[in-house]
Amino acid sequence: MSAIENVGTSFGAAARAGAIPLWLRGVVIFGAFLLTVGAAIALFHPVMLVSPHDEINGAVHIYAGYLASRNLGLAIVLVLAMRLRAKEILSGLLICTAFIQIIDGVIDCFEQRWAIAPGVTVLGILFFFAAYRLTGYAFWRVEAWRSR
């Protein structure tokens, strides 16, 4: 098979792979929206990220910038992978983002930010479930990590 035929076959296989279910696209869009809102808060109003008695200084602004870039980067690539129907990449991104959200929730519990912890934890669980439905494998199974 020539290289041109191989490329055509690859595109045909991608087209036959089918669309991502509507509810899963909704989860990705909702999660990307929340990540973007978190990035905007970190950039434009970082006082919302700390306790009322904490001081906002240069270090807080630097780390808020890191949070913003992380959240914004994840939001962009999640939506891009969804739009490209790159299911394996999207699944990996969902798993990565889910782990980040779960770890954020654990840290929120340690730091006693009780109002935020449930939301980020639920978002992480929702992303794990979406990745599972996308691939058919739970994240702890090796099949979820391998290309098919």
Protein backbone atom coordinates (compact mmCIF):
# COMPACT_ATOMS: atom_id res chain seq x y z
CA MET A 1 0.00 0.00 0.00
CA SER A 2 1.40 3.40 -0.91
CA ALA A 3 1.82 6.22 1.58
CA ILE A 4 -1.04 8.17 -0.01
CA GLU A 5 -3.41 5.21 0.25
CA ASN A 6 -2.31 4.69 3.86
CA VAL A 7 -3.14 8.32 4.73
CA GLY A 8 -6.52 8.02 3.04
CA THR A 9 -7.24 4.84 4.97
CA SER A 10 -6.29 6.55 8.22
CA PHE A 11 -8.65 9.43 7.58
CA GLY A 12 -11.41 7.01 6.61
CA ALA A 13 -10.90 5.03 9.81
CA ALA A 14 -11.07 8.24 11.83
CA ALA A 15 -14.31 9.24 10.15
CA ARG A 16 -15.83 5.81 10.78
CA ALA A 17 -14.85 6.00 14.44
CA GLY A 18 -17.97 8.10 14.94
CA ALA A 19 -18.85 11.18 16.86
CA ILE A 20 -18.30 11.65 20.54
CA PRO A 21 -21.62 11.29 22.42
CA LEU A 22 -23.44 14.53 23.16
CA TRP A 23 -23.40 14.09 26.95
CA LEU A 24 -19.64 13.49 26.87
CA ARG A 25 -19.12 16.62 24.78
CA GLY A 26 -21.18 18.45 27.39
CA VAL A 27 -18.90 17.16 30.16
CA VAL A 28 -15.81 18.30 28.25
CA ILE A 29 -17.29 21.74 27.51
CA PHE A 30 -18.52 22.15 31.10
CA GLY A 31 -15.14 21.10 32.51
CA ALA A 32 -13.25 23.35 30.08
CA PHE A 33 -15.55 26.23 31.06
CA LEU A 34 -14.84 25.66 34.77
CA LEU A 35 -11.10 25.43 34.10
CA THR A 36 -11.27 28.69 32.14
CA VAL A 37 -13.21 30.41 34.92
CA GLY A 38 -10.59 29.20 37.40
CA ALA A 39 -7.86 30.61 35.16
CA ALA A 40 -9.64 33.97 34.93
CA ILE A 41 -10.08 34.13 38.71
CA ALA A 42 -6.40 33.30 39.23
CA LEU A 43 -5.31 36.00 36.78
CA PHE A 44 -7.72 38.81 37.54
CA HIS A 45 -8.88 38.28 41.14
CA PRO A 46 -6.44 35.98 42.98
CA VAL A 47 -7.77 37.13 46.35
CA MET A 48 -10.56 34.57 45.78
CA LEU A 49 -7.95 31.80 45.93
CA VAL A 50 -6.85 32.47 49.51
CA SER A 51 -8.45 32.84 52.92
CA PRO A 52 -9.79 36.30 53.83
CA HIS A 53 -7.00 36.91 56.36
CA ASP A 54 -4.17 35.93 53.96
CA GLU A 55 -2.01 38.55 52.30
CA ILE A 56 -1.81 38.82 48.52
CA ASN A 57 1.83 39.40 47.56
CA GLY A 58 4.10 38.84 44.59
CA ALA A 59 4.49 35.12 45.31
CA VAL A 60 0.71 34.65 45.28
CA HIS A 61 0.51 36.39 41.90
CA ILE A 62 3.27 34.17 40.48
CA TYR A 63 1.60 30.95 41.60
CA ALA A 64 -1.80 32.22 40.50
CA GLY A 65 -0.25 32.70 37.06
CA TYR A 66 0.94 29.08 37.09
CA LEU A 67 -2.56 27.93 38.04
CA ALA A 68 -4.05 30.04 35.27
CA SER A 69 -1.68 28.65 32.63
CA ARG A 70 -2.32 25.07 33.78
CA ASN A 71 -6.09 25.48 33.74
CA LEU A 72 -6.19 27.38 30.47
CA GLY A 73 -3.85 24.91 28.77
CA LEU A 74 -5.97 21.95 29.87
CA ALA A 75 -9.19 23.66 28.78
CA ILE A 76 -7.81 24.40 25.32
CA VAL A 77 -6.44 20.92 24.63
CA LEU A 78 -9.59 19.22 25.99
CA VAL A 79 -11.80 21.18 23.59
CA LEU A 80 -9.33 20.77 20.72
CA ALA A 81 -9.13 16.98 21.17
CA MET A 82 -12.92 16.81 21.34
CA ARG A 83 -13.33 18.90 18.18
CA LEU A 84 -10.80 16.72 16.33
CA ARG A 85 -12.58 13.57 17.58
CA ALA A 86 -9.23 12.33 18.86
CA LYS A 87 -10.79 9.86 21.28
CA GLU A 88 -7.60 8.28 22.62
CA ILE A 89 -5.98 11.66 23.20
CA LEU A 90 -9.18 13.02 24.72
CA SER A 91 -9.38 10.02 27.04
CA GLY A 92 -5.80 10.58 28.19
CA LEU A 93 -6.46 14.28 28.75
CA LEU A 94 -9.62 13.48 30.71
CA ILE A 95 -7.67 11.06 32.91
CA CYS A 96 -4.88 13.61 33.45
CA THR A 97 -7.35 16.37 34.28
CA ALA A 98 -9.30 14.02 36.55
CA PHE A 99 -6.17 13.18 38.53
CA ILE A 100 -5.37 16.88 38.86
CA GLN A 101 -8.89 17.61 40.11
CA ILE A 102 -8.81 14.76 42.64
CA ILE A 103 -5.41 15.90 43.94
CA ASP A 104 -6.75 19.49 44.12
CA GLY A 105 -9.70 18.16 46.15
CA VAL A 106 -7.41 16.32 48.57
CA ILE A 107 -5.27 19.44 49.03
CA ASP A 108 -8.43 21.50 49.55
CA CYS A 109 -9.43 19.11 52.34
CA PHE A 110 -6.01 19.36 54.00
CA GLU A 111 -6.22 23.14 53.81
CA GLN A 112 -9.84 23.07 55.03
CA ARG A 113 -11.36 24.73 51.96
CA TRP A 114 -14.58 22.80 52.46
CA ALA A 115 -16.64 24.87 50.02
CA ILE A 116 -14.41 24.00 47.04
CA ALA A 117 -13.33 20.42 47.78
CA PRO A 118 -16.58 18.67 46.77
CA GLY A 119 -16.84 20.53 43.45
CA VAL A 120 -13.35 19.74 42.20
CA THR A 121 -13.65 16.13 43.42
CA VAL A 122 -16.96 15.62 41.61
CA LEU A 123 -15.48 17.14 38.44
CA GLY A 124 -12.55 14.72 38.69
CA ILE A 125 -14.89 11.74 39.10
CA LEU A 126 -16.98 12.97 36.16
CA PHE A 127 -13.83 13.18 34.00
CA PHE A 128 -12.80 9.64 35.05
CA PHE A 129 -16.26 8.37 34.08
CA ALA A 130 -16.17 10.22 30.73
CA ALA A 131 -12.75 8.70 29.94
CA TYR A 132 -14.10 5.26 30.84
CA ARG A 133 -17.12 5.69 28.55
CA LEU A 134 -14.91 6.95 25.75
CA THR A 135 -12.54 3.96 25.77
CA GLY A 136 -14.54 1.26 27.52
CA TYR A 137 -11.76 0.79 30.08
CA ALA A 138 -11.33 2.16 33.59
CA PHE A 139 -8.17 4.22 34.10
CA TRP A 140 -6.56 1.58 36.31
CA ARG A 141 -6.70 -0.99 33.49
CA VAL A 142 -3.65 -1.09 31.24
CA GLU A 143 -5.91 -1.15 28.16
CA ALA A 144 -7.00 2.42 28.92
CA TRP A 145 -3.40 3.57 28.45
CA ARG A 146 -2.51 1.71 25.26
CA SER A 147 -3.31 2.59 21.67
CA ARG A 148 -5.69 0.30 19.87
